[in-house]
Amino acid sequence: MKQYLMTEPGKIETLDVAVPGDLKDNEVLLEIQRIGICGSDIHVYHGKHPFTSYPVVQGHEYSGKVIKVGNAVTKVKPGMKATARPQLVCGQCNPCKRGQYNVCQQLKVQGFQAPGCASEYFIVTEERILPLPEELSYEQGALVEPAAVAAHATNRVADLTGKNVVVSGAGTIGNLVAQFAVARGAAKVLITDFSDFRLGIAGICGVHEVANLKTEKFSDAVSRTFGAAGFQIGFEAVGAQSALNALVGNIENGGSIVIIGVYEQHPVVDMGFVGEHELNLFGSMMYKQEDYVEAIKYIAENRINTSALITNHFPAEGFLAAYKMIDQEADKVLKVMIDMK
């Protein structure tokens, strides 16, 4: 089978490797159908992901067709559509024991610290697999992973019902976070970015208000959207110092900010200001199984729009071309899909 290996930043080789053979009792063999490229993959492409070494097989947002199952597998059967969490955890550390395996102290993520799914066939274990409703497309299935990130992030804070929310960054994750905030009953959701293209897609997806920070100050956009009520919840989905500063400096006293973005450089936070205004800063790391379940449910119920996010398709041999296109046309691209079949 074909496998796509990033041997060093900016270089991908196509390998011919053996199709996986006999399965363990708890294993499932998937024929990979679609793989989504995300911002973290781009960090790896540029050699700037802080926790990835080379060579590495990428791919962690995916959908596939079940081909074969181990003797003890009951969740899925051959012919079904499925996806799976890419987290490999120890099960023994304190976070794992208390159910926070998403922050396992020995966490490895397939596509980064362990081989990902950029192969024609891929083995996953039953405890990480999730069957997809037959009515979902393989494209929707590949977007369950980023939707699960958004599901988890929007559950990191208290009930969003009736709250005013700002999301910094209208990329795929920011868009999905904003959609989940709307779906969870937020009063108003404002999403900010520097790209009219991305903000336009956010509008298509039902986000209440948008602001292009090239032409409008953050504080002005907040005032225009919320008036004197301000906002109580912020989500930082960019990984940029300026976005973090804007949220910290403008949120209501006592408000909560969730950090989702991946920072290439360590940001500086005025902790004196945070303490004086009793702000709450929350980290959000990936997801758990229940977040995947919720993401699938919301997508299947059309409460989350994924089709509007897909802007480009490339064949399996086009990984490198896809990365180059994303670099060259960043402000015109949202979710790029690799069609493995």
Protein backbone atom coordinates (compact mmCIF):
# COMPACT_ATOMS: atom_id res chain seq x y z
CA MET A 1 0.00 0.00 0.00
CA LYS A 2 1.01 3.63 -0.40
CA GLN A 3 2.17 5.58 2.62
CA TYR A 4 3.10 9.27 2.70
CA LEU A 5 6.08 10.07 4.93
CA MET A 6 7.34 13.53 5.82
CA THR A 7 11.08 12.89 6.08
CA GLU A 8 11.96 16.47 7.01
CA PRO A 9 10.21 19.85 6.93
CA GLY A 10 8.87 20.50 3.43
CA LYS A 11 9.67 17.04 2.06
CA ILE A 12 7.25 14.12 1.62
CA GLU A 13 8.14 10.71 0.17
CA THR A 14 5.71 8.11 -1.14
CA LEU A 15 6.53 4.65 0.20
CA ASP A 16 5.31 1.19 -0.74
CA VAL A 17 4.71 -0.68 2.51
CA ALA A 18 2.94 -3.90 3.40
CA VAL A 19 -0.80 -3.87 4.03
CA PRO A 20 -1.40 -4.56 7.75
CA GLY A 21 -1.83 -8.27 8.34
CA ASP A 22 -3.47 -10.11 11.22
CA LEU A 23 -5.39 -8.00 13.70
CA LYS A 24 -5.34 -8.23 17.48
CA ASP A 25 -8.67 -8.98 19.10
CA ASN A 26 -9.36 -5.28 19.82
CA GLU A 27 -8.18 -3.84 16.49
CA VAL A 28 -10.00 -2.48 13.44
CA LEU A 29 -8.59 -2.13 9.93
CA LEU A 30 -9.77 0.99 8.11
CA GLU A 31 -9.46 1.86 4.45
CA ILE A 32 -8.77 5.59 4.73
CA GLN A 33 -11.08 7.72 2.60
CA ARG A 34 -10.51 11.38 3.54
CA ILE A 35 -7.85 13.23 5.52
CA GLY A 36 -8.17 16.85 6.58
CA ILE A 37 -5.15 19.14 6.80
CA CYS A 38 -5.09 21.38 9.86
CA GLY A 39 -2.97 24.21 11.16
CA SER A 40 -0.89 21.87 13.30
CA ASP A 41 0.03 19.89 10.17
CA ILE A 42 1.25 23.13 8.62
CA HIS A 43 3.43 23.75 11.67
CA VAL A 44 4.99 20.32 11.06
CA TYR A 45 5.45 21.14 7.36
CA HIS A 46 7.42 24.24 8.35
CA GLY A 47 9.39 22.46 11.05
CA LYS A 48 7.84 24.63 13.75
CA HIS A 49 5.68 22.17 15.66
CA PRO A 50 7.21 22.07 19.15
CA PHE A 51 6.42 18.40 19.81
CA THR A 52 7.09 16.64 16.49
CA SER A 53 10.27 15.06 15.17
CA TYR A 54 11.02 13.52 11.77
CA PRO A 55 10.37 11.32 9.92
CA VAL A 56 6.64 11.31 10.62
CA VAL A 57 3.53 9.98 8.90
CA GLN A 58 0.96 12.75 9.27
CA GLY A 59 -2.83 12.57 9.34
CA HIS A 60 -5.09 12.81 12.39
CA GLU A 61 -8.39 14.15 10.97
CA TYR A 62 -9.83 11.31 8.95
CA SER A 63 -12.64 9.03 7.97
CA GLY A 64 -12.51 5.51 6.66
CA LYS A 65 -14.37 2.36 5.73
CA VAL A 66 -14.16 -0.60 8.09
CA ILE A 67 -12.51 -3.48 6.22
CA LYS A 68 -11.82 -6.01 8.95
CA VAL A 69 -12.26 -6.30 12.72
CA GLY A 70 -10.60 -8.29 15.49
CA ASN A 71 -12.39 -11.16 17.20
CA ALA A 72 -13.48 -9.11 20.23
CA VAL A 73 -14.65 -5.97 18.38
CA THR A 74 -18.36 -5.15 18.73
CA LYS A 75 -18.61 -1.39 18.01
CA VAL A 76 -18.20 -1.65 14.25
CA LYS A 77 -18.34 -4.23 11.51
CA PRO A 78 -16.99 -4.41 7.96
CA GLY A 79 -18.59 -1.95 5.56
CA MET A 80 -19.38 0.71 8.16
CA LYS A 81 -18.07 4.27 8.07
CA ALA A 82 -15.90 5.28 11.00
CA THR A 83 -13.39 7.69 12.45
CA ALA A 84 -11.19 7.48 15.55
CA ARG A 85 -9.39 9.55 18.14
CA PRO A 86 -5.64 9.83 17.41
CA GLN A 87 -4.60 9.88 21.09
CA LEU A 88 -2.34 7.17 22.50
CA VAL A 89 -2.42 7.30 26.30
CA CYS A 90 -0.77 5.40 29.14
CA GLY A 91 -3.84 4.78 31.29
CA GLN A 92 -1.64 4.81 34.41
CA CYS A 93 -0.85 8.46 35.21
CA ASN A 94 -3.04 10.51 37.51
CA PRO A 95 -4.77 12.45 34.70
CA CYS A 96 -5.66 9.16 32.99
CA LYS A 97 -6.94 7.65 36.24
CA ARG A 98 -9.26 10.59 36.84
CA GLY A 99 -10.57 10.46 33.26
CA GLN A 100 -8.50 13.30 31.79
CA TYR A 101 -6.67 11.07 29.36
CA ASN A 102 -6.62 13.94 26.84
CA VAL A 103 -3.84 15.41 29.01
CA CYS A 104 -2.11 12.09 29.71
CA GLN A 105 1.40 12.72 30.99
CA GLN A 106 2.71 10.30 28.35
CA LEU A 107 0.36 11.45 25.58
CA LYS A 108 1.31 10.68 22.00
CA VAL A 109 -0.82 11.93 19.12
CA GLN A 110 -0.87 10.01 15.87
CA GLY A 111 0.41 12.24 13.11
CA PHE A 112 2.81 14.02 15.46
CA GLN A 113 4.53 11.78 18.03
CA ALA A 114 3.29 8.53 16.49
CA PRO A 115 2.53 7.48 12.89
CA GLY A 116 -0.66 9.01 11.51
CA CYS A 117 -3.18 7.77 8.99
CA ALA A 118 -1.62 8.99 5.71
CA SER A 119 -1.71 5.47 4.28
CA GLU A 120 -4.20 3.51 2.25
CA TYR A 121 -4.98 1.33 5.27
CA PHE A 122 -4.70 2.10 8.97
CA ILE A 123 -5.21 0.10 12.18
CA VAL A 124 -6.98 1.61 15.20
CA THR A 125 -8.11 0.10 18.48
CA GLU A 126 -11.76 -0.33 19.36
CA GLU A 127 -11.73 1.96 22.41
CA ARG A 128 -10.80 4.91 20.16
CA ILE A 129 -13.07 4.18 17.20
CA LEU A 130 -16.41 5.86 16.55
CA PRO A 131 -18.93 4.60 14.01
CA LEU A 132 -20.36 7.25 11.71
CA PRO A 133 -24.01 7.39 10.68
CA GLU A 134 -24.39 6.12 7.14
CA GLU A 135 -25.95 9.42 6.07
CA LEU A 136 -22.75 11.33 6.90
CA SER A 137 -20.33 11.77 4.02
CA TYR A 138 -16.68 10.86 4.35
CA GLU A 139 -15.92 14.60 4.22
CA GLN A 140 -18.16 15.16 7.24
CA GLY A 141 -16.51 12.21 8.95
CA ALA A 142 -13.06 13.73 8.51
CA LEU A 143 -14.29 16.96 10.11
CA VAL A 144 -15.48 15.23 13.27
CA GLU A 145 -11.99 15.61 14.78
CA PRO A 146 -11.84 19.44 14.60
CA ALA A 147 -15.51 19.58 15.60
CA ALA A 148 -14.62 17.53 18.69
CA VAL A 149 -11.91 20.11 19.51
CA ALA A 150 -14.64 22.76 19.44
CA ALA A 151 -17.04 20.64 21.46
CA HIS A 152 -14.43 20.16 24.17
CA ALA A 153 -13.32 23.81 24.22
CA THR A 154 -16.85 25.13 24.57
CA ASN A 155 -17.41 22.76 27.49
CA ARG A 156 -14.35 24.08 29.36
CA VAL A 157 -16.38 27.00 30.71
CA ALA A 158 -19.70 27.28 32.48
CA ASP A 159 -22.97 27.14 30.58
CA LEU A 160 -22.83 29.44 27.55
CA THR A 161 -26.57 30.00 27.54
CA GLY A 162 -27.31 33.73 27.38
CA LYS A 163 -23.62 34.70 27.43
CA ASN A 164 -21.89 37.02 24.98
CA VAL A 165 -18.94 35.31 23.31
CA VAL A 166 -15.94 36.42 21.25
CA VAL A 167 -13.91 33.98 19.18
CA SER A 168 -10.52 35.19 17.95
CA GLY A 169 -9.69 33.51 14.65
CA ALA A 170 -12.06 32.39 11.90
CA GLY A 171 -10.06 29.39 10.73
CA THR A 172 -11.59 25.93 10.89
CA ILE A 173 -11.29 25.59 14.67
CA GLY A 174 -12.44 29.13 15.40
CA ASN A 175 -15.38 28.71 13.04
CA LEU A 176 -16.43 25.46 14.69
CA VAL A 177 -16.01 26.93 18.19
CA ALA A 178 -18.26 29.83 17.19
CA GLN A 179 -20.81 27.42 15.72
CA PHE A 180 -20.82 25.36 18.93
CA ALA A 181 -21.24 28.54 20.99
CA VAL A 182 -24.29 29.41 18.92
CA ALA A 183 -25.62 25.86 19.21
CA ARG A 184 -25.11 25.94 22.99
CA GLY A 185 -27.33 28.99 23.33
CA ALA A 186 -24.95 31.94 23.50
CA ALA A 187 -26.80 35.25 23.26
CA LYS A 188 -24.42 36.75 20.69
CA VAL A 189 -21.24 35.39 19.13
CA LEU A 190 -18.66 37.65 17.50
CA ILE A 191 -15.81 36.14 15.49
CA THR A 192 -12.75 38.18 14.47
CA ASP A 193 -10.10 37.66 11.79
CA PHE A 194 -8.11 39.52 9.14
CA SER A 195 -9.66 37.63 6.21
CA ASP A 196 -12.98 38.64 4.65
CA PHE A 197 -13.06 35.20 3.02
CA ARG A 198 -12.97 33.33 6.32
CA LEU A 199 -15.36 35.76 7.96
CA GLY A 200 -17.77 35.30 5.06
CA ILE A 201 -17.81 31.55 5.65
CA ALA A 202 -18.45 32.17 9.35
CA GLY A 203 -21.51 34.18 8.36
CA ILE A 204 -22.71 31.36 6.10
CA CYS A 205 -22.35 29.00 9.06
CA GLY A 206 -24.65 31.10 11.21
CA VAL A 207 -22.20 32.98 13.42
CA HIS A 208 -24.02 36.11 14.60
CA GLU A 209 -21.43 38.84 13.98
CA VAL A 210 -18.03 39.16 12.30
CA ALA A 211 -15.25 41.76 12.42
CA ASN A 212 -12.25 42.22 10.16
CA LEU A 213 -9.49 43.62 12.36
CA LYS A 214 -7.79 45.12 9.33
CA THR A 215 -10.55 47.69 9.14
CA GLU A 216 -12.08 47.76 12.63
CA LYS A 217 -10.50 47.92 16.07
CA PHE A 218 -11.23 44.99 18.33
CA SER A 219 -12.72 47.24 21.01
CA ASP A 220 -14.95 48.95 18.44
CA ALA A 221 -16.21 45.60 17.17
CA VAL A 222 -17.01 44.53 20.73
CA SER A 223 -18.88 47.78 21.39
CA ARG A 224 -20.76 47.54 18.09
CA THR A 225 -21.82 43.94 18.75
CA PHE A 226 -22.57 43.89 22.46
CA GLY A 227 -23.00 47.52 23.49
CA ALA A 228 -22.75 48.14 27.23
CA ALA A 229 -23.29 44.43 27.98
CA GLY A 230 -19.78 43.52 26.83
CA PHE A 231 -18.70 39.90 26.56
CA GLN A 232 -18.19 37.27 29.25
CA ILE A 233 -16.47 34.43 27.38
CA GLY A 234 -13.54 34.52 24.96
CA PHE A 235 -11.94 31.78 22.88
CA GLU A 236 -8.42 32.28 21.53
CA ALA A 237 -8.18 30.10 18.42
CA VAL A 238 -5.25 31.78 16.66
CA GLY A 239 -2.17 31.21 18.78
CA ALA A 240 -1.14 34.87 18.47
CA GLN A 241 0.01 37.35 21.10
CA SER A 242 -2.18 40.13 19.70
CA ALA A 243 -5.33 37.98 19.87
CA LEU A 244 -4.63 37.03 23.47
CA ASN A 245 -3.96 40.67 24.40
CA ALA A 246 -7.25 41.77 22.83
CA LEU A 247 -9.30 39.21 24.75
CA VAL A 248 -7.59 39.80 28.09
CA GLY A 249 -7.78 43.57 27.71
CA ASN A 250 -11.43 43.80 26.73
CA ILE A 251 -13.35 41.00 28.43
CA GLU A 252 -15.74 41.77 31.28
CA ASN A 253 -14.23 41.61 34.76
CA GLY A 254 -14.55 38.07 36.07
CA GLY A 255 -14.81 36.69 32.52
CA SER A 256 -13.31 33.47 31.17
CA ILE A 257 -10.89 32.95 28.30
CA VAL A 258 -10.19 29.54 26.76
CA ILE A 259 -6.85 29.02 25.03
CA ILE A 260 -7.07 26.72 22.00
CA GLY A 261 -4.48 28.10 19.56
CA VAL A 262 -1.00 26.59 19.17
CA TYR A 263 1.69 29.20 19.87
CA GLU A 264 4.98 29.03 17.96
CA GLN A 265 6.47 31.38 20.56
CA HIS A 266 5.57 31.64 24.24
CA PRO A 267 3.09 34.50 24.72
CA VAL A 268 3.35 37.09 27.47
CA VAL A 269 0.34 37.58 29.73
CA ASP A 270 -0.07 40.48 32.15
CA MET A 271 -0.85 38.32 35.16
CA GLY A 272 -1.22 41.36 37.38
CA PHE A 273 -4.10 42.50 35.17
CA VAL A 274 -5.54 38.98 35.17
CA GLY A 275 -5.44 38.86 38.96
CA GLU A 276 -6.78 42.37 39.47
CA HIS A 277 -9.77 41.72 37.21
CA GLU A 278 -10.23 38.13 38.46
CA LEU A 279 -10.14 36.68 34.97
CA ASN A 280 -10.24 32.95 34.40
CA LEU A 281 -7.79 31.43 31.92
CA PHE A 282 -8.51 27.89 30.77
CA GLY A 283 -6.42 25.60 28.63
CA SER A 284 -8.18 23.27 26.22
CA MET A 285 -6.37 20.18 24.96
CA MET A 286 -7.95 18.19 22.15
CA TYR A 287 -10.96 16.14 23.31
CA LYS A 288 -12.29 13.00 24.92
CA GLN A 289 -14.52 10.28 23.52
CA GLU A 290 -17.69 12.05 24.59
CA ASP A 291 -16.65 15.13 22.61
CA TYR A 292 -16.40 13.00 19.47
CA VAL A 293 -19.85 11.56 20.19
CA GLU A 294 -21.30 15.04 20.63
CA ALA A 295 -19.59 16.33 17.47
CA ILE A 296 -21.04 13.47 15.41
CA LYS A 297 -24.49 14.13 16.87
CA TYR A 298 -24.40 17.88 16.15
CA ILE A 299 -23.14 17.34 12.60
CA ALA A 300 -25.76 14.67 11.90
CA GLU A 301 -28.49 16.99 13.23
CA ASN A 302 -27.23 19.83 10.97
CA ARG A 303 -26.54 22.00 14.01
CA ILE A 304 -22.93 22.27 12.84
CA ASN A 305 -22.22 23.13 9.19
CA THR A 306 -19.09 21.39 7.91
CA SER A 307 -19.67 21.52 4.15
CA ALA A 308 -19.05 25.28 3.99
CA LEU A 309 -15.61 24.78 5.54
CA ILE A 310 -14.19 22.59 2.76
CA THR A 311 -12.49 24.81 0.20
CA ASN A 312 -10.13 22.46 -1.64
CA HIS A 313 -9.56 18.81 -2.52
CA PHE A 314 -6.29 17.12 -3.47
CA PRO A 315 -5.53 13.50 -4.41
CA ALA A 316 -3.44 11.30 -2.15
CA GLU A 317 -0.31 12.13 -4.14
CA GLY A 318 -0.98 15.83 -3.62
CA PHE A 319 0.00 16.30 0.04
CA LEU A 320 2.95 18.52 -0.80
CA ALA A 321 0.99 20.49 -3.39
CA ALA A 322 -1.74 21.04 -0.81
CA TYR A 323 0.74 22.43 1.73
CA LYS A 324 2.27 24.75 -0.85
CA MET A 325 -1.16 26.00 -1.91
CA ILE A 326 -2.11 26.69 1.70
CA ASP A 327 1.07 28.75 2.10
CA GLN A 328 0.46 30.71 -1.09
CA GLU A 329 -3.28 31.32 -0.65
CA ALA A 330 -3.74 31.30 3.11
CA ASP A 331 -6.43 33.98 3.08
CA LYS A 332 -8.53 32.02 0.55
CA VAL A 333 -8.32 28.60 2.18
CA LEU A 334 -10.12 27.01 5.09
CA LYS A 335 -10.28 23.19 5.20
CA VAL A 336 -8.24 21.30 2.62
CA MET A 337 -9.22 17.68 2.11
CA ILE A 338 -6.99 14.86 0.86
CA ASP A 339 -9.03 12.33 -1.09
CA MET A 340 -7.34 9.01 -0.43
CA LYS A 341 -9.93 7.14 -2.52
